[in-house]
Amino acid sequence: DQAGKVRPNIMVLPEFINHLAWYESPEHCY
C-alpha cells in the first residue's frame, strides 16, 4: 500500500517475505 502511493508500474519485494529463513526442522519449513 505504501509503495502504491507512488503509482509504480512494477514493484519488487524482498526474499522470503512469508517467514524468517530460519527453521527448526524440514517439517517446520514446510
PDB file of all heavy atoms in Angstrom:
ATOM      1  N   ASP A   1       0.827  -1.212   0.000  1.00  0.00           N
ATOM      2  CA  ASP A   1       0.000   0.000   0.000  1.00  0.00           C
ATOM      3  C   ASP A   1       0.857   1.257   0.000  1.00  0.00           C
ATOM      4  O   ASP A   1       0.548   2.236  -0.690  1.00  0.00           O
ATOM      5  CB  ASP A   1      -0.924   0.011   1.225  1.00  0.00           C
ATOM      6  CG  ASP A   1      -2.084  -0.968   1.101  1.00  0.00           C
ATOM      7  OD1 ASP A   1      -2.418  -1.343  -0.036  1.00  0.00           O
ATOM      8  OD2 ASP A   1      -2.641  -1.350   2.145  1.00  0.00           O
ATOM      9  N   GLN A   2       1.943   1.225   0.790  1.00  0.00           N
ATOM     10  CA  GLN A   2       2.828   2.392   0.826  1.00  0.00           C
ATOM     11  C   GLN A   2       3.475   2.614  -0.535  1.00  0.00           C
ATOM     12  O   GLN A   2       3.574   3.749  -1.021  1.00  0.00           O
ATOM     13  CB  GLN A   2       3.904   2.200   1.905  1.00  0.00           C
ATOM     14  CG  GLN A   2       4.775   3.423   2.123  1.00  0.00           C
ATOM     15  CD  GLN A   2       5.664   3.280   3.351  1.00  0.00           C
ATOM     16  OE1 GLN A   2       5.266   2.685   4.356  1.00  0.00           O
ATOM     17  NE2 GLN A   2       6.871   3.819   3.291  1.00  0.00           N
ATOM     18  N   ALA A   3       3.913   1.521  -1.162  1.00  0.00           N
ATOM     19  CA  ALA A   3       4.513   1.641  -2.495  1.00  0.00           C
ATOM     20  C   ALA A   3       3.473   2.083  -3.512  1.00  0.00           C
ATOM     21  O   ALA A   3       3.782   2.828  -4.457  1.00  0.00           O
ATOM     22  CB  ALA A   3       5.131   0.314  -2.912  1.00  0.00           C
ATOM     23  N   GLY A   4       2.231   1.643  -3.340  1.00  0.00           N
ATOM     24  CA  GLY A   4       1.175   2.009  -4.271  1.00  0.00           C
ATOM     25  C   GLY A   4       0.937   3.500  -4.360  1.00  0.00           C
ATOM     26  O   GLY A   4       0.424   3.999  -5.381  1.00  0.00           O
ATOM     27  N   LYS A   5       1.307   4.237  -3.321  1.00  0.00           N
ATOM     28  CA  LYS A   5       1.104   5.687  -3.318  1.00  0.00           C
ATOM     29  C   LYS A   5       1.936   6.394  -4.391  1.00  0.00           C
ATOM     30  O   LYS A   5       1.581   7.496  -4.822  1.00  0.00           O
ATOM     31  CB  LYS A   5       1.446   6.266  -1.941  1.00  0.00           C
ATOM     32  CG  LYS A   5       0.507   5.799  -0.831  1.00  0.00           C
ATOM     33  CD  LYS A   5       0.947   6.329   0.522  1.00  0.00           C
ATOM     34  CE  LYS A   5       0.045   5.820   1.644  1.00  0.00           C
ATOM     35  NZ  LYS A   5       0.497   6.287   2.987  1.00  0.00           N
ATOM     36  N   VAL A   6       3.043   5.788  -4.820  1.00  0.00           N
ATOM     37  CA  VAL A   6       3.871   6.424  -5.858  1.00  0.00           C
ATOM     38  C   VAL A   6       3.487   5.932  -7.251  1.00  0.00           C
ATOM     39  O   VAL A   6       4.134   6.269  -8.232  1.00  0.00           O
ATOM     40  CB  VAL A   6       5.377   6.199  -5.589  1.00  0.00           C
ATOM     41  CG1 VAL A   6       5.759   6.714  -4.214  1.00  0.00           C
ATOM     42  CG2 VAL A   6       5.773   4.728  -5.741  1.00  0.00           C
ATOM     43  N   ARG A   7       2.442   5.108  -7.325  1.00  0.00           N
ATOM     44  CA  ARG A   7       1.884   4.620  -8.587  1.00  0.00           C
ATOM     45  C   ARG A   7       2.929   3.938  -9.491  1.00  0.00           C
ATOM     46  O   ARG A   7       3.123   4.330 -10.651  1.00  0.00           O
ATOM     47  CB  ARG A   7       1.197   5.758  -9.347  1.00  0.00           C
ATOM     48  CG  ARG A   7       0.027   6.380  -8.585  1.00  0.00           C
ATOM     49  CD  ARG A   7      -0.660   7.453  -9.409  1.00  0.00           C
ATOM     50  NE  ARG A   7      -1.786   8.023  -8.690  1.00  0.00           N
ATOM     51  CZ  ARG A   7      -3.009   7.481  -8.603  1.00  0.00           C
ATOM     52  NH1 ARG A   7      -3.256   6.342  -9.203  1.00  0.00           N
ATOM     53  NH2 ARG A   7      -3.967   8.080  -7.929  1.00  0.00           N
ATOM     54  N   PRO A   8       3.587   2.904  -8.988  1.00  0.00           N
ATOM     55  CA  PRO A   8       4.559   2.211  -9.842  1.00  0.00           C
ATOM     56  C   PRO A   8       3.870   1.302 -10.837  1.00  0.00           C
ATOM     57  O   PRO A   8       2.742   0.850 -10.631  1.00  0.00           O
ATOM     58  CB  PRO A   8       5.364   1.394  -8.824  1.00  0.00           C
ATOM     59  CG  PRO A   8       4.370   1.080  -7.742  1.00  0.00           C
ATOM     60  CD  PRO A   8       3.486   2.310  -7.646  1.00  0.00           C
ATOM     61  N   ASN A   9       4.565   1.016 -11.915  1.00  0.00           N
ATOM     62  CA  ASN A   9       4.115   0.007 -12.872  1.00  0.00           C
ATOM     63  C   ASN A   9       4.604  -1.378 -12.480  1.00  0.00           C
ATOM     64  O   ASN A   9       3.983  -2.384 -12.810  1.00  0.00           O
ATOM     65  CB  ASN A   9       4.613   0.330 -14.279  1.00  0.00           C
ATOM     66  CG  ASN A   9       4.220   1.724 -14.719  1.00  0.00           C
ATOM     67  OD1 ASN A   9       5.074   2.613 -14.789  1.00  0.00           O
ATOM     68  ND2 ASN A   9       2.938   1.929 -15.002  1.00  0.00           N
ATOM     69  N   ILE A  10       5.750  -1.397 -11.797  1.00  0.00           N
ATOM     70  CA  ILE A  10       6.371  -2.656 -11.357  1.00  0.00           C
ATOM     71  C   ILE A  10       6.922  -2.424  -9.960  1.00  0.00           C
ATOM     72  O   ILE A  10       7.567  -1.393  -9.698  1.00  0.00           O
ATOM     73  CB  ILE A  10       7.513  -3.088 -12.303  1.00  0.00           C
ATOM     74  CG1 ILE A  10       7.004  -3.263 -13.740  1.00  0.00           C
ATOM     75  CG2 ILE A  10       8.185  -4.367 -11.807  1.00  0.00           C
ATOM     76  CD1 ILE A  10       8.118  -3.401 -14.768  1.00  0.00           C
ATOM     77  N   MET A  11       6.685  -3.366  -9.044  1.00  0.00           N
ATOM     78  CA  MET A  11       7.333  -3.280  -7.734  1.00  0.00           C
ATOM     79  C   MET A  11       7.931  -4.630  -7.377  1.00  0.00           C
ATOM     80  O   MET A  11       7.443  -5.678  -7.789  1.00  0.00           O
ATOM     81  CB  MET A  11       6.379  -2.780  -6.647  1.00  0.00           C
ATOM     82  CG  MET A  11       5.247  -3.692  -6.271  1.00  0.00           C
ATOM     83  SD  MET A  11       4.314  -3.074  -4.807  1.00  0.00           S
ATOM     84  CE  MET A  11       3.316  -1.775  -5.531  1.00  0.00           C
ATOM     85  N   VAL A  12       9.031  -4.592  -6.625  1.00  0.00           N
ATOM     86  CA  VAL A  12       9.709  -5.808  -6.200  1.00  0.00           C
ATOM     87  C   VAL A  12       9.827  -5.783  -4.683  1.00  0.00           C
ATOM     88  O   VAL A  12      10.148  -4.757  -4.080  1.00  0.00           O
ATOM     89  CB  VAL A  12      11.087  -5.956  -6.875  1.00  0.00           C
ATOM     90  CG1 VAL A  12      11.974  -4.744  -6.643  1.00  0.00           C
ATOM     91  CG2 VAL A  12      11.797  -7.215  -6.400  1.00  0.00           C
ATOM     92  N   LEU A  13       9.532  -6.931  -4.037  1.00  0.00           N
ATOM     93  CA  LEU A  13       9.605  -7.097  -2.594  1.00  0.00           C
ATOM     94  C   LEU A  13      10.784  -7.988  -2.234  1.00  0.00           C
ATOM     95  O   LEU A  13      11.342  -8.675  -3.099  1.00  0.00           O
ATOM     96  CB  LEU A  13       8.296  -7.700  -2.070  1.00  0.00           C
ATOM     97  CG  LEU A  13       7.120  -6.751  -1.807  1.00  0.00           C
ATOM     98  CD1 LEU A  13       6.687  -6.015  -3.065  1.00  0.00           C
ATOM     99  CD2 LEU A  13       5.933  -7.518  -1.207  1.00  0.00           C
ATOM    100  N   PRO A  14      11.179  -8.040  -0.943  1.00  0.00           N
ATOM    101  CA  PRO A  14      12.349  -8.837  -0.546  1.00  0.00           C
ATOM    102  C   PRO A  14      12.135 -10.348  -0.696  1.00  0.00           C
ATOM    103  O   PRO A  14      11.074 -10.828  -1.084  1.00  0.00           O
ATOM    104  CB  PRO A  14      12.552  -8.455   0.922  1.00  0.00           C
ATOM    105  CG  PRO A  14      11.841  -7.152   1.103  1.00  0.00           C
ATOM    106  CD  PRO A  14      10.668  -7.220   0.161  1.00  0.00           C
ATOM    107  N   GLU A  15      13.155 -11.084  -0.313  1.00  0.00           N
ATOM    108  CA  GLU A  15      13.149 -12.545  -0.354  1.00  0.00           C
ATOM    109  C   GLU A  15      12.544 -13.104   0.931  1.00  0.00           C
ATOM    110  O   GLU A  15      12.693 -12.524   2.010  1.00  0.00           O
ATOM    111  CB  GLU A  15      14.594 -13.053  -0.514  1.00  0.00           C
ATOM    112  CG  GLU A  15      14.728 -14.540  -0.691  1.00  0.00           C
ATOM    113  CD  GLU A  15      16.180 -14.984  -0.798  1.00  0.00           C
ATOM    114  OE1 GLU A  15      17.065 -14.322  -0.226  1.00  0.00           O
ATOM    115  OE2 GLU A  15      16.414 -16.013  -1.451  1.00  0.00           O
ATOM    116  N   PHE A  16      11.888 -14.248   0.817  1.00  0.00           N
ATOM    117  CA  PHE A  16      11.316 -14.959   1.965  1.00  0.00           C
ATOM    118  C   PHE A  16      10.415 -14.041   2.791  1.00  0.00           C
ATOM    119  O   PHE A  16      10.614 -13.855   3.995  1.00  0.00           O
ATOM    120  CB  PHE A  16      12.424 -15.538   2.852  1.00  0.00           C
ATOM    121  CG  PHE A  16      13.393 -16.444   2.143  1.00  0.00           C
ATOM    122  CD1 PHE A  16      14.743 -16.410   2.455  1.00  0.00           C
ATOM    123  CD2 PHE A  16      12.978 -17.329   1.156  1.00  0.00           C
ATOM    124  CE1 PHE A  16      15.654 -17.234   1.810  1.00  0.00           C
ATOM    125  CE2 PHE A  16      13.874 -18.160   0.500  1.00  0.00           C
ATOM    126  CZ  PHE A  16      15.217 -18.118   0.833  1.00  0.00           C
ATOM    127  N   ILE A  17       9.409 -13.459   2.153  1.00  0.00           N
ATOM    128  CA  ILE A  17       8.545 -12.498   2.848  1.00  0.00           C
ATOM    129  C   ILE A  17       7.501 -13.186   3.721  1.00  0.00           C
ATOM    130  O   ILE A  17       6.857 -12.525   4.540  1.00  0.00           O
ATOM    131  CB  ILE A  17       7.832 -11.553   1.858  1.00  0.00           C
ATOM    132  CG1 ILE A  17       6.986 -12.351   0.844  1.00  0.00           C
ATOM    133  CG2 ILE A  17       8.837 -10.638   1.172  1.00  0.00           C
ATOM    134  CD1 ILE A  17       6.119 -11.482  -0.038  1.00  0.00           C
ATOM    135  N   ASN A  18       7.341 -14.508   3.575  1.00  0.00           N
ATOM    136  CA  ASN A  18       6.327 -15.196   4.374  1.00  0.00           C
ATOM    137  C   ASN A  18       6.815 -15.593   5.757  1.00  0.00           C
ATOM    138  O   ASN A  18       6.022 -15.739   6.692  1.00  0.00           O
ATOM    139  CB  ASN A  18       5.815 -16.442   3.636  1.00  0.00           C
ATOM    140  CG  ASN A  18       6.941 -17.394   3.253  1.00  0.00           C
ATOM    141  OD1 ASN A  18       7.885 -17.003   2.563  1.00  0.00           O
ATOM    142  ND2 ASN A  18       6.835 -18.647   3.673  1.00  0.00           N
ATOM    143  N   HIS A  19       8.144 -15.750   5.940  1.00  0.00           N
ATOM    144  CA  HIS A  19       8.664 -16.230   7.220  1.00  0.00           C
ATOM    145  C   HIS A  19      10.170 -16.009   7.250  1.00  0.00           C
ATOM    146  O   HIS A  19      10.827 -16.026   6.203  1.00  0.00           O
ATOM    147  CB  HIS A  19       8.356 -17.730   7.397  1.00  0.00           C
ATOM    148  CG  HIS A  19       8.591 -18.257   8.777  1.00  0.00           C
ATOM    149  ND1 HIS A  19       9.813 -18.709   9.206  1.00  0.00           N
ATOM    150  CD2 HIS A  19       7.743 -18.414   9.829  1.00  0.00           C
ATOM    151  CE1 HIS A  19       9.723 -19.119  10.466  1.00  0.00           C
ATOM    152  NE2 HIS A  19       8.468 -18.952  10.866  1.00  0.00           N
ATOM    153  N   LEU A  20      10.727 -15.823   8.448  1.00  0.00           N
ATOM    154  CA  LEU A  20      12.182 -15.784   8.579  1.00  0.00           C
ATOM    155  C   LEU A  20      12.792 -17.038   7.964  1.00  0.00           C
ATOM    156  O   LEU A  20      12.231 -18.140   8.086  1.00  0.00           O
ATOM    157  CB  LEU A  20      12.581 -15.733  10.055  1.00  0.00           C
ATOM    158  CG  LEU A  20      12.446 -14.405  10.804  1.00  0.00           C
ATOM    159  CD1 LEU A  20      12.865 -14.608  12.263  1.00  0.00           C
ATOM    160  CD2 LEU A  20      13.303 -13.326  10.172  1.00  0.00           C
ATOM    161  N   ALA A  21      13.946 -16.890   7.345  1.00  0.00           N
ATOM    162  CA  ALA A  21      14.644 -18.042   6.761  1.00  0.00           C
ATOM    163  C   ALA A  21      15.393 -18.796   7.859  1.00  0.00           C
ATOM    164  O   ALA A  21      16.614 -18.986   7.818  1.00  0.00           O
ATOM    165  CB  ALA A  21      15.591 -17.589   5.661  1.00  0.00           C
ATOM    166  N   TRP A  22      14.630 -19.232   8.849  1.00  0.00           N
ATOM    167  CA  TRP A  22      15.194 -19.983   9.979  1.00  0.00           C
ATOM    168  C   TRP A  22      14.158 -21.017  10.393  1.00  0.00           C
ATOM    169  O   TRP A  22      13.017 -20.673  10.678  1.00  0.00           O
ATOM    170  CB  TRP A  22      15.529 -19.052  11.146  1.00  0.00           C
ATOM    171  CG  TRP A  22      16.330 -19.752  12.189  1.00  0.00           C
ATOM    172  CD1 TRP A  22      15.867 -20.340  13.333  1.00  0.00           C
ATOM    173  CD2 TRP A  22      17.737 -19.967  12.156  1.00  0.00           C
ATOM    174  NE1 TRP A  22      16.898 -20.912  14.014  1.00  0.00           N
ATOM    175  CE2 TRP A  22      18.069 -20.700  13.321  1.00  0.00           C
ATOM    176  CE3 TRP A  22      18.751 -19.625  11.261  1.00  0.00           C
ATOM    177  CZ2 TRP A  22      19.374 -21.094  13.607  1.00  0.00           C
ATOM    178  CZ3 TRP A  22      20.044 -20.015  11.540  1.00  0.00           C
ATOM    179  CH2 TRP A  22      20.348 -20.729  12.702  1.00  0.00           C
ATOM    180  N   TYR A  23      14.562 -22.280  10.413  1.00  0.00           N
ATOM    181  CA  TYR A  23      13.593 -23.353  10.601  1.00  0.00           C
ATOM    182  C   TYR A  23      14.102 -24.362  11.629  1.00  0.00           C
ATOM    183  O   TYR A  23      15.304 -24.655  11.693  1.00  0.00           O
ATOM    184  CB  TYR A  23      13.320 -24.064   9.266  1.00  0.00           C
ATOM    185  CG  TYR A  23      13.102 -23.095   8.129  1.00  0.00           C
ATOM    186  CD1 TYR A  23      14.096 -22.868   7.175  1.00  0.00           C
ATOM    187  CD2 TYR A  23      11.928 -22.354   8.031  1.00  0.00           C
ATOM    188  CE1 TYR A  23      13.914 -21.962   6.145  1.00  0.00           C
ATOM    189  CE2 TYR A  23      11.731 -21.443   7.014  1.00  0.00           C
ATOM    190  CZ  TYR A  23      12.733 -21.245   6.075  1.00  0.00           C
ATOM    191  OH  TYR A  23      12.563 -20.330   5.063  1.00  0.00           O
ATOM    192  N   GLU A  24      13.176 -24.900  12.391  1.00  0.00           N
ATOM    193  CA  GLU A  24      13.515 -25.886  13.419  1.00  0.00           C
ATOM    194  C   GLU A  24      13.745 -27.272  12.809  1.00  0.00           C
ATOM    195  O   GLU A  24      14.472 -28.088  13.375  1.00  0.00           O
ATOM    196  CB  GLU A  24      12.396 -25.960  14.456  1.00  0.00           C
ATOM    197  CG  GLU A  24      12.179 -24.641  15.202  1.00  0.00           C
ATOM    198  CD  GLU A  24      10.906 -24.645  16.033  1.00  0.00           C
ATOM    199  OE1 GLU A  24      10.231 -25.701  16.072  1.00  0.00           O
ATOM    200  OE2 GLU A  24      10.595 -23.600  16.630  1.00  0.00           O
ATOM    201  N   SER A  25      13.119 -27.526  11.683  1.00  0.00           N
ATOM    202  CA  SER A  25      13.208 -28.837  11.040  1.00  0.00           C
ATOM    203  C   SER A  25      12.647 -28.717   9.633  1.00  0.00           C
ATOM    204  O   SER A  25      11.975 -27.730   9.301  1.00  0.00           O
ATOM    205  CB  SER A  25      12.391 -29.864  11.823  1.00  0.00           C
ATOM    206  OG  SER A  25      11.015 -29.517  11.772  1.00  0.00           O
ATOM    207  N   PRO A  26      12.860 -29.718   8.780  1.00  0.00           N
ATOM    208  CA  PRO A  26      12.222 -29.693   7.454  1.00  0.00           C
ATOM    209  C   PRO A  26      10.698 -29.616   7.550  1.00  0.00           C
ATOM    210  O   PRO A  26      10.061 -28.963   6.715  1.00  0.00           O
ATOM    211  CB  PRO A  26      12.689 -31.006   6.826  1.00  0.00           C
ATOM    212  CG  PRO A  26      13.992 -31.289   7.486  1.00  0.00           C
ATOM    213  CD  PRO A  26      13.832 -30.823   8.900  1.00  0.00           C
ATOM    214  N   GLU A  27      10.130 -30.255   8.556  1.00  0.00           N
ATOM    215  CA  GLU A  27       8.685 -30.222   8.721  1.00  0.00           C
ATOM    216  C   GLU A  27       8.222 -28.813   9.057  1.00  0.00           C
ATOM    217  O   GLU A  27       7.178 -28.355   8.556  1.00  0.00           O
ATOM    218  CB  GLU A  27       8.258 -31.197   9.822  1.00  0.00           C
ATOM    219  CG  GLU A  27       8.466 -32.660   9.495  1.00  0.00           C
ATOM    220  CD  GLU A  27       9.932 -33.104   9.568  1.00  0.00           C
ATOM    221  OE1 GLU A  27      10.742 -32.408  10.230  1.00  0.00           O
ATOM    222  OE2 GLU A  27      10.274 -34.134   8.962  1.00  0.00           O
ATOM    223  N   HIS A  28       8.982 -28.124   9.896  1.00  0.00           N
ATOM    224  CA  HIS A  28       8.652 -26.737  10.241  1.00  0.00           C
ATOM    225  C   HIS A  28       8.755 -25.847   9.005  1.00  0.00           C
ATOM    226  O   HIS A  28       7.881 -25.002   8.751  1.00  0.00           O
ATOM    227  CB  HIS A  28       9.583 -26.238  11.347  1.00  0.00           C
ATOM    228  CG  HIS A  28       9.388 -24.803  11.704  1.00  0.00           C
ATOM    229  ND1 HIS A  28      10.426 -23.893  11.728  1.00  0.00           N
ATOM    230  CD2 HIS A  28       8.268 -24.104  12.020  1.00  0.00           C
ATOM    231  CE1 HIS A  28       9.956 -22.706  12.065  1.00  0.00           C
ATOM    232  NE2 HIS A  28       8.649 -22.805  12.247  1.00  0.00           N
ATOM    233  N   CYS A  29       9.795 -26.043   8.211  1.00  0.00           N
ATOM    234  CA  CYS A  29       9.965 -25.251   6.982  1.00  0.00           C
ATOM    235  C   CYS A  29       8.768 -25.445   6.066  1.00  0.00           C
ATOM    236  O   CYS A  29       8.228 -24.473   5.517  1.00  0.00           O
ATOM    237  CB  CYS A  29      11.257 -25.659   6.284  1.00  0.00           C
ATOM    238  SG  CYS A  29      11.562 -24.807   4.729  1.00  0.00           S
ATOM    239  N   TYR A  30       8.323 -26.691   5.918  1.00  0.00           N
ATOM    240  CA  TYR A  30       7.174 -26.970   5.048  1.00  0.00           C
ATOM    241  C   TYR A  30       5.910 -26.327   5.604  1.00  0.00           C
ATOM    242  O   TYR A  30       5.095 -25.753   4.853  1.00  0.00           O
ATOM    243  CB  TYR A  30       6.993 -28.487   4.922  1.00  0.00           C
ATOM    244  CG  TYR A  30       6.019 -28.897   3.848  1.00  0.00           C
ATOM    245  CD1 TYR A  30       6.417 -28.980   2.523  1.00  0.00           C
ATOM    246  CD2 TYR A  30       4.695 -29.201   4.164  1.00  0.00           C
ATOM    247  CE1 TYR A  30       5.528 -29.359   1.525  1.00  0.00           C
ATOM    248  CE2 TYR A  30       3.795 -29.584   3.185  1.00  0.00           C
ATOM    249  CZ  TYR A  30       4.215 -29.658   1.866  1.00  0.00           C
ATOM    250  OH  TYR A  30       3.324 -30.025   0.886  1.00  0.00           O
TER     251      TYR A  30
END
